[in-house]
Amino acid sequence: MDFDLTEDQSLLADSVRKMFADGYGFEQRKAYIKSAEGWSTAMWAQYAELGLLGLPFAEADGGFGGGLTDTCLIAEQMGKALALEPWFSTVVLGGGFLRRASAEMRRELVPQVAAGECKLAFAQVERQSRYDLFDVATTAKREGAGWVITGRKGMVLHGDSADRFFVTARHAGGQRDHGGIGVFMVEAKHATARGFRTVDGGRAAEVEFDKAPATLVAEEGLPMVEAVVAEAIAALAFEAVGCMDIAHAMTLDYMKTRQQFGKPISSFQALQHRAADMLVALEQARSMSFFAVQAASDNDADERRAGASAVKVQIGRSARLVGQQSIQLHGGIAMTMEYACGHYFKRLTMNDSLFGDADHHIKALADGGGLVKAA
């Protein structure tokens, strides 16, 4: 696997890094959290101006023709900045479905998304579904020439600011059947969203649909959902690496300045070993994030599913070790609202819970025969 970035990819990462360095200080972020939207509309305009919102869409549809690696490089910088804007929900999740939608829908929506005028969200999680993508109780029924959706979705990332939802709904079969699950697009004006703040300071919503008019995207939509989620897991892996990178660096800086018994605590061998363990976990996660891109691009659905689970297991374990050690090596100050370290731990915790935590995915790997199948 080639880990080297192209010149264009390096320039992209540098541009995003500079954008956040200029306008996303820790104090600014706290102010964004307290704002009415819970994120910065001014920064959102910069995302559009820099081309971050249209990057993964085909040029023929009004995008910039970027690939998954490009998207993931942005995600890494999002993690380093603890960005709050609905980029992940709009570009990675909603955009994943939009890229696979009809030409007519792409022509209509891609230019709006790229300009920052249309925000998207993925409504999939239900109260009973846990992490199972196929557990769908929300119903879709034909009505006239179209469809209507009825049901309730929870933990819809940035659902309170979305203009359109991509929704999983069942049109046939039982609640946990793998078939009969469609993907539909619903305009926000036909849904009721109740927003709330997540543990990491972000935004999510519970969204209710009551015979909401819907446009069919895919009648047998589970394979599409799994493909989009695999890409999302790759982006989350890069975002987690960005968080871990900063948490590790902050911890090392603190250890070099914190004095105990007349010397920096970085001079104590036991603490040096713990810092080294953090670095090992970080580099394991970094390697796995590149594997995530490869796994998400696999045309074999079983291999893609196993690869995504392996990524979630390693990223989750690394994030837990790096996050917990960064807190413990700082001491109590790390969990204060005024200090950034604890906020990175919260983002890592939130990241781990999306689309299945490490425990869920290690079971999924075992049930599926492991990452490397027997001959």
Protein backbone atom coordinates (compact mmCIF):
# COMPACT_ATOMS: atom_id res chain seq x y z
CA MET A 1 0.00 0.00 0.00
CA ASP A 2 1.33 3.45 -0.93
CA PHE A 3 1.20 5.81 2.07
CA ASP A 4 2.67 8.78 0.19
CA LEU A 5 0.35 11.67 -0.61
CA THR A 6 0.26 13.33 -3.99
CA GLU A 7 1.22 16.98 -4.27
CA ASP A 8 -2.45 17.93 -4.64
CA GLN A 9 -3.40 15.94 -1.54
CA SER A 10 -0.64 17.59 0.51
CA LEU A 11 -1.83 21.02 -0.64
CA LEU A 12 -5.41 20.11 0.27
CA ALA A 13 -4.44 19.04 3.79
CA ASP A 14 -2.32 22.18 4.24
CA SER A 15 -5.16 24.43 3.06
CA VAL A 16 -7.63 22.90 5.52
CA ARG A 17 -5.07 23.07 8.32
CA LYS A 18 -4.48 26.76 7.63
CA MET A 19 -8.22 27.48 7.50
CA PHE A 20 -8.68 26.03 10.98
CA ALA A 21 -5.51 27.66 12.33
CA ASP A 22 -6.82 31.06 11.26
CA GLY A 23 -10.40 30.72 12.48
CA TYR A 24 -10.87 27.85 14.89
CA GLY A 25 -9.13 28.52 18.18
CA PHE A 26 -10.28 26.68 21.28
CA GLU A 27 -12.06 29.73 22.70
CA GLN A 28 -13.76 30.35 19.36
CA ARG A 29 -14.96 26.76 19.32
CA LYS A 30 -16.53 27.13 22.76
CA ALA A 31 -18.39 30.19 21.50
CA TYR A 32 -19.62 28.26 18.45
CA ILE A 33 -21.01 25.53 20.71
CA LYS A 34 -23.06 28.11 22.61
CA SER A 35 -24.42 29.75 19.45
CA ALA A 36 -27.95 29.12 18.15
CA GLU A 37 -26.74 26.69 15.48
CA GLY A 38 -24.10 25.03 17.65
CA TRP A 39 -21.51 25.58 14.89
CA SER A 40 -20.13 28.43 12.78
CA THR A 41 -22.06 29.58 9.71
CA ALA A 42 -19.09 31.76 8.77
CA MET A 43 -16.81 28.72 8.77
CA TRP A 44 -19.38 26.81 6.72
CA ALA A 45 -19.11 29.50 4.05
CA GLN A 46 -15.34 29.01 4.08
CA TYR A 47 -15.80 25.26 3.63
CA ALA A 48 -17.78 26.01 0.47
CA GLU A 49 -15.29 28.61 -0.75
CA LEU A 50 -12.39 26.19 -0.30
CA GLY A 51 -14.27 23.47 -2.19
CA LEU A 52 -14.58 21.08 0.75
CA LEU A 53 -18.32 20.59 0.26
CA GLY A 54 -18.16 19.68 -3.41
CA LEU A 55 -14.91 17.72 -3.32
CA PRO A 56 -16.15 14.09 -3.57
CA PHE A 57 -18.76 14.66 -6.28
CA ALA A 58 -18.10 14.09 -9.97
CA GLU A 59 -17.20 17.16 -12.02
CA ALA A 60 -20.08 16.37 -14.38
CA ASP A 61 -22.48 16.79 -11.45
CA GLY A 62 -20.99 20.07 -10.26
CA GLY A 63 -18.34 18.73 -7.89
CA PHE A 64 -14.55 18.56 -7.99
CA GLY A 65 -13.98 14.85 -8.60
CA GLY A 66 -12.07 14.03 -5.42
CA GLY A 67 -11.63 10.53 -4.03
CA LEU A 68 -12.10 8.92 -0.63
CA THR A 69 -8.49 9.61 0.38
CA ASP A 70 -9.06 13.33 -0.23
CA THR A 71 -12.19 13.23 1.93
CA CYS A 72 -10.33 11.40 4.69
CA LEU A 73 -7.49 13.94 4.70
CA ILE A 74 -10.08 16.62 5.39
CA ALA A 75 -11.55 14.44 8.15
CA GLU A 76 -8.15 14.22 9.85
CA GLN A 77 -7.92 18.01 9.99
CA MET A 78 -11.51 18.13 11.28
CA GLY A 79 -10.42 15.89 14.13
CA LYS A 80 -7.41 18.04 14.96
CA ALA A 81 -9.59 21.16 15.06
CA LEU A 82 -12.56 19.44 16.77
CA ALA A 83 -14.70 20.97 14.04
CA LEU A 84 -18.41 21.31 14.76
CA GLU A 85 -19.89 22.04 11.34
CA PRO A 86 -22.16 19.50 9.55
CA TRP A 87 -19.46 18.47 7.08
CA PHE A 88 -19.47 14.78 8.02
CA SER A 89 -23.26 14.47 7.86
CA THR A 90 -23.53 16.46 4.62
CA VAL A 91 -20.50 15.39 2.60
CA VAL A 92 -19.56 11.93 3.89
CA LEU A 93 -22.94 10.46 4.84
CA GLY A 94 -25.48 12.40 2.80
CA GLY A 95 -22.97 12.89 0.02
CA GLY A 96 -22.31 9.16 -0.09
CA PHE A 97 -25.95 8.54 -0.92
CA LEU A 98 -26.18 11.50 -3.26
CA ARG A 99 -23.23 10.23 -5.32
CA ARG A 100 -25.13 6.96 -5.77
CA ALA A 101 -28.50 8.59 -6.50
CA SER A 102 -30.13 9.19 -9.87
CA ALA A 103 -28.58 11.60 -12.36
CA GLU A 104 -31.59 13.85 -11.96
CA MET A 105 -31.17 14.10 -8.18
CA ARG A 106 -27.42 14.68 -8.52
CA ARG A 107 -27.92 17.48 -11.04
CA GLU A 108 -30.38 19.18 -8.71
CA LEU A 109 -28.61 18.82 -5.38
CA VAL A 110 -24.84 18.58 -5.91
CA PRO A 111 -24.44 22.27 -6.91
CA GLN A 112 -26.51 23.28 -3.87
CA VAL A 113 -24.44 21.11 -1.53
CA ALA A 114 -21.16 22.36 -3.02
CA ALA A 115 -22.27 25.97 -2.48
CA GLY A 116 -23.22 25.31 1.14
CA GLU A 117 -26.89 25.96 0.39
CA CYS A 118 -28.14 22.43 1.13
CA LYS A 119 -27.21 20.41 4.21
CA LEU A 120 -27.81 16.67 4.31
CA ALA A 121 -28.25 14.10 7.06
CA PHE A 122 -28.55 10.31 7.29
CA ALA A 123 -31.50 9.05 9.36
CA GLN A 124 -30.83 5.40 10.16
CA VAL A 125 -30.57 4.68 13.90
CA GLU A 126 -33.73 3.55 15.68
CA ARG A 127 -34.43 2.95 19.35
CA GLN A 128 -34.31 -0.83 19.00
CA SER A 129 -31.70 -1.16 16.24
CA ARG A 130 -28.52 -0.67 18.29
CA TYR A 131 -25.76 -0.91 15.65
CA ASP A 132 -27.53 -3.22 13.19
CA LEU A 133 -28.03 -1.44 9.87
CA PHE A 134 -30.68 -3.97 8.83
CA ASP A 135 -32.90 -3.51 11.91
CA VAL A 136 -35.48 -1.09 10.48
CA ALA A 137 -39.00 -0.52 11.82
CA THR A 138 -39.67 2.76 9.99
CA THR A 139 -42.09 2.00 7.16
CA ALA A 140 -42.34 3.13 3.55
CA LYS A 141 -45.58 2.75 1.64
CA ARG A 142 -46.55 3.59 -1.89
CA GLU A 143 -49.06 6.41 -2.17
CA GLY A 144 -50.13 7.40 -5.64
CA ALA A 145 -47.06 7.79 -7.81
CA GLY A 146 -44.72 8.23 -4.84
CA TRP A 147 -43.90 7.01 -1.35
CA VAL A 148 -44.64 8.10 2.22
CA ILE A 149 -42.42 7.42 5.26
CA THR A 150 -43.61 6.86 8.82
CA GLY A 151 -41.34 6.27 11.80
CA ARG A 152 -38.85 7.75 14.21
CA LYS A 153 -35.07 7.96 13.90
CA GLY A 154 -32.66 8.80 16.69
CA MET A 155 -29.12 10.14 16.78
CA VAL A 156 -29.36 11.81 13.39
CA LEU A 157 -26.12 13.79 13.19
CA HIS A 158 -26.94 17.46 12.53
CA GLY A 159 -30.54 16.49 11.93
CA ASP A 160 -31.70 19.78 13.42
CA SER A 161 -30.00 21.80 10.66
CA ALA A 162 -30.46 19.45 7.69
CA ASP A 163 -32.41 20.53 4.62
CA ARG A 164 -32.88 16.97 3.37
CA PHE A 165 -32.64 13.51 4.90
CA PHE A 166 -31.59 10.22 3.42
CA VAL A 167 -33.73 7.72 5.32
CA THR A 168 -33.79 3.94 5.63
CA ALA A 169 -37.34 2.58 5.67
CA ARG A 170 -38.87 -0.85 5.28
CA HIS A 171 -41.27 -1.55 2.43
CA ALA A 172 -41.28 -5.35 2.75
CA GLY A 173 -40.34 -8.16 5.14
CA GLY A 174 -39.84 -8.31 8.89
CA GLN A 175 -38.08 -5.79 11.11
CA ARG A 176 -34.69 -7.57 11.01
CA ASP A 177 -34.79 -8.92 7.47
CA HIS A 178 -31.90 -7.90 5.24
CA GLY A 179 -34.20 -7.43 2.27
CA GLY A 180 -37.04 -5.00 1.87
CA ILE A 181 -35.08 -1.95 3.11
CA GLY A 182 -35.24 1.09 0.88
CA VAL A 183 -33.29 4.34 0.92
CA PHE A 184 -35.43 7.44 0.49
CA MET A 185 -34.88 11.19 0.38
CA VAL A 186 -37.19 13.37 2.49
CA GLU A 187 -37.21 17.16 2.62
CA ALA A 188 -36.80 18.58 6.13
CA LYS A 189 -40.08 20.49 5.88
CA HIS A 190 -41.89 17.13 5.97
CA ALA A 191 -40.18 15.96 9.18
CA THR A 192 -40.07 17.02 12.82
CA ALA A 193 -36.57 17.30 14.28
CA ARG A 194 -35.79 17.74 17.98
CA GLY A 195 -32.17 18.75 18.32
CA PHE A 196 -29.79 18.12 21.20
CA ARG A 197 -26.12 18.51 22.01
CA THR A 198 -23.93 15.42 21.91
CA VAL A 199 -21.28 14.51 24.49
CA ASP A 200 -18.51 16.06 22.37
CA GLY A 201 -20.30 19.38 21.86
CA GLY A 202 -21.70 18.52 18.44
CA ARG A 203 -25.32 18.45 17.32
CA ALA A 204 -27.77 15.63 16.62
CA ALA A 205 -31.51 15.18 16.55
CA GLU A 206 -34.37 12.78 16.94
CA VAL A 207 -36.37 12.99 13.72
CA GLU A 208 -39.97 11.90 13.28
CA PHE A 209 -41.68 11.18 9.97
CA ASP A 210 -45.47 11.01 9.79
CA LYS A 211 -46.54 9.98 6.30
CA ALA A 212 -43.76 12.20 4.96
CA PRO A 213 -43.59 12.40 1.14
CA ALA A 214 -40.39 10.69 0.00
CA THR A 215 -38.35 10.15 -3.15
CA LEU A 216 -37.03 6.64 -3.72
CA VAL A 217 -33.23 6.43 -4.00
CA ALA A 218 -32.79 2.64 -3.86
CA GLU A 219 -35.54 0.05 -3.44
CA GLU A 220 -33.16 -2.62 -2.13
CA GLY A 221 -30.94 -0.20 -0.29
CA LEU A 222 -28.99 -2.19 2.32
CA PRO A 223 -25.95 -2.75 0.04
CA MET A 224 -25.88 1.00 -0.62
CA VAL A 225 -26.12 1.74 3.11
CA GLU A 226 -23.25 -0.63 3.89
CA ALA A 227 -21.07 0.94 1.19
CA VAL A 228 -21.71 4.47 2.49
CA VAL A 229 -21.10 3.41 6.09
CA ALA A 230 -17.79 1.77 5.10
CA GLU A 231 -16.67 5.11 3.65
CA ALA A 232 -17.92 6.89 6.77
CA ILE A 233 -15.90 4.53 8.98
CA ALA A 234 -12.78 5.37 6.95
CA ALA A 235 -13.42 9.09 7.47
CA LEU A 236 -14.06 8.53 11.19
CA ALA A 237 -10.78 6.63 11.42
CA PHE A 238 -8.86 9.59 9.99
CA GLU A 239 -10.75 11.98 12.25
CA ALA A 240 -9.84 9.85 15.27
CA VAL A 241 -6.18 9.86 14.23
CA GLY A 242 -6.32 13.66 14.08
CA CYS A 243 -7.75 13.77 17.60
CA MET A 244 -5.20 11.30 18.95
CA ASP A 245 -2.34 13.17 17.30
CA ILE A 246 -3.21 16.39 19.14
CA ALA A 247 -4.03 14.65 22.45
CA HIS A 248 -0.66 12.88 22.36
CA ALA A 249 1.24 16.09 21.53
CA MET A 250 -0.56 18.02 24.28
CA THR A 251 0.30 15.30 26.78
CA LEU A 252 3.99 15.31 25.87
CA ASP A 253 4.14 19.10 26.17
CA TYR A 254 2.45 18.96 29.57
CA MET A 255 4.82 16.25 30.83
CA LYS A 256 7.81 18.40 29.87
CA THR A 257 6.56 21.39 31.88
CA ARG A 258 4.78 19.78 34.87
CA GLN A 259 7.19 19.66 37.81
CA GLN A 260 7.13 17.03 40.57
CA PHE A 261 9.89 16.38 43.13
CA GLY A 262 11.85 19.19 41.51
CA LYS A 263 11.96 17.77 38.00
CA PRO A 264 9.65 17.42 34.95
CA ILE A 265 7.41 14.36 35.15
CA SER A 266 8.66 13.47 31.65
CA SER A 267 11.89 12.34 33.33
CA PHE A 268 10.12 9.51 35.18
CA GLN A 269 10.65 6.21 33.39
CA ALA A 270 7.22 4.78 34.22
CA LEU A 271 5.52 7.79 32.63
CA GLN A 272 7.84 7.63 29.63
CA HIS A 273 6.63 4.07 29.05
CA ARG A 274 3.02 5.22 29.14
CA ALA A 275 3.76 7.99 26.64
CA ALA A 276 5.48 5.44 24.41
CA ASP A 277 2.41 3.20 24.59
CA MET A 278 0.34 6.17 23.42
CA LEU A 279 2.62 6.65 20.42
CA VAL A 280 2.43 2.97 19.48
CA ALA A 281 -1.38 3.05 19.66
CA LEU A 282 -1.48 6.25 17.59
CA GLU A 283 0.70 4.78 14.85
CA GLN A 284 -1.33 1.56 14.80
CA ALA A 285 -4.44 3.68 14.31
CA ARG A 286 -2.75 5.71 11.58
CA SER A 287 -1.84 2.56 9.66
CA MET A 288 -5.35 1.20 10.10
CA SER A 289 -6.86 4.42 8.79
CA PHE A 290 -5.11 3.88 5.44
CA PHE A 291 -6.33 0.30 5.43
CA ALA A 292 -9.84 1.69 5.99
CA VAL A 293 -9.69 3.53 2.66
CA GLN A 294 -8.61 0.35 0.90
CA ALA A 295 -11.31 -1.72 2.64
CA ALA A 296 -14.07 0.76 1.78
CA SER A 297 -13.10 0.52 -1.88
CA ASP A 298 -13.35 -3.30 -1.97
CA ASN A 299 -16.00 -4.52 -4.42
CA ASP A 300 -16.59 -7.67 -2.37
CA ALA A 301 -19.29 -6.77 0.18
CA ASP A 302 -18.14 -9.42 2.70
CA GLU A 303 -14.53 -8.24 2.53
CA ARG A 304 -15.62 -4.61 2.81
CA ARG A 305 -17.76 -5.42 5.84
CA ALA A 306 -14.95 -7.35 7.55
CA GLY A 307 -12.45 -4.60 6.80
CA ALA A 308 -14.71 -1.92 8.26
CA SER A 309 -15.16 -3.98 11.43
CA ALA A 310 -11.40 -4.49 11.78
CA VAL A 311 -10.88 -0.75 11.44
CA LYS A 312 -13.45 0.04 14.12
CA VAL A 313 -11.87 -2.48 16.51
CA GLN A 314 -8.33 -1.09 16.21
CA ILE A 315 -9.33 2.57 16.08
CA GLY A 316 -11.58 2.08 19.11
CA ARG A 317 -8.85 0.37 21.12
CA SER A 318 -6.21 2.93 20.17
CA ALA A 319 -8.54 5.83 20.90
CA ARG A 320 -9.38 4.45 24.33
CA LEU A 321 -5.71 4.00 25.25
CA VAL A 322 -4.57 7.38 23.93
CA GLY A 323 -7.59 9.20 25.35
CA GLN A 324 -7.41 7.64 28.79
CA GLN A 325 -3.64 8.06 29.11
CA SER A 326 -3.84 11.69 28.01
CA ILE A 327 -6.33 12.32 30.82
CA GLN A 328 -4.39 10.37 33.45
CA LEU A 329 -1.01 11.89 32.61
CA HIS A 330 -2.49 15.38 32.84
CA GLY A 331 -4.43 14.76 36.02
CA GLY A 332 -7.67 16.50 36.96
CA ILE A 333 -7.05 19.56 34.78
CA ALA A 334 -7.63 17.45 31.66
CA MET A 335 -11.36 17.07 32.29
CA THR A 336 -12.10 20.73 32.92
CA MET A 337 -14.17 22.53 30.28
CA GLU A 338 -11.46 25.19 30.02
CA TYR A 339 -8.78 22.74 28.85
CA ALA A 340 -8.80 21.19 25.37
CA CYS A 341 -7.47 17.72 26.23
CA GLY A 342 -10.74 16.44 27.67
CA HIS A 343 -12.62 17.66 24.61
CA TYR A 344 -10.47 15.44 22.39
CA PHE A 345 -11.28 12.48 24.64
CA LYS A 346 -14.98 13.26 24.33
CA ARG A 347 -14.73 13.40 20.53
CA LEU A 348 -12.90 10.06 20.50
CA THR A 349 -15.59 8.56 22.72
CA MET A 350 -18.32 9.87 20.42
CA ASN A 351 -16.41 8.65 17.38
CA ASP A 352 -16.15 5.12 18.80
CA SER A 353 -19.92 4.88 19.29
CA LEU A 354 -20.83 5.79 15.70
CA PHE A 355 -21.75 2.79 13.51
CA GLY A 356 -20.72 0.32 16.19
CA ASP A 357 -18.10 0.40 18.92
CA ALA A 358 -15.06 -1.87 19.16
CA ASP A 359 -16.94 -4.52 21.16
CA HIS A 360 -19.73 -4.71 18.58
CA HIS A 361 -17.32 -5.03 15.68
CA ILE A 362 -15.06 -7.65 17.23
CA LYS A 363 -18.17 -9.81 17.62
CA ALA A 364 -19.13 -9.05 14.02
CA LEU A 365 -15.65 -10.12 12.91
CA ALA A 366 -15.87 -13.35 14.89
CA ASP A 367 -19.34 -14.14 13.55
CA GLY A 368 -18.13 -13.53 10.00
CA GLY A 369 -15.13 -15.82 10.27
CA GLY A 370 -12.46 -13.22 10.96
CA LEU A 371 -10.52 -10.80 8.79
CA VAL A 372 -8.47 -13.57 7.19
CA LYS A 373 -10.77 -16.41 6.18
CA ALA A 374 -9.76 -20.05 6.49
CA ALA A 375 -8.66 -21.68 3.24
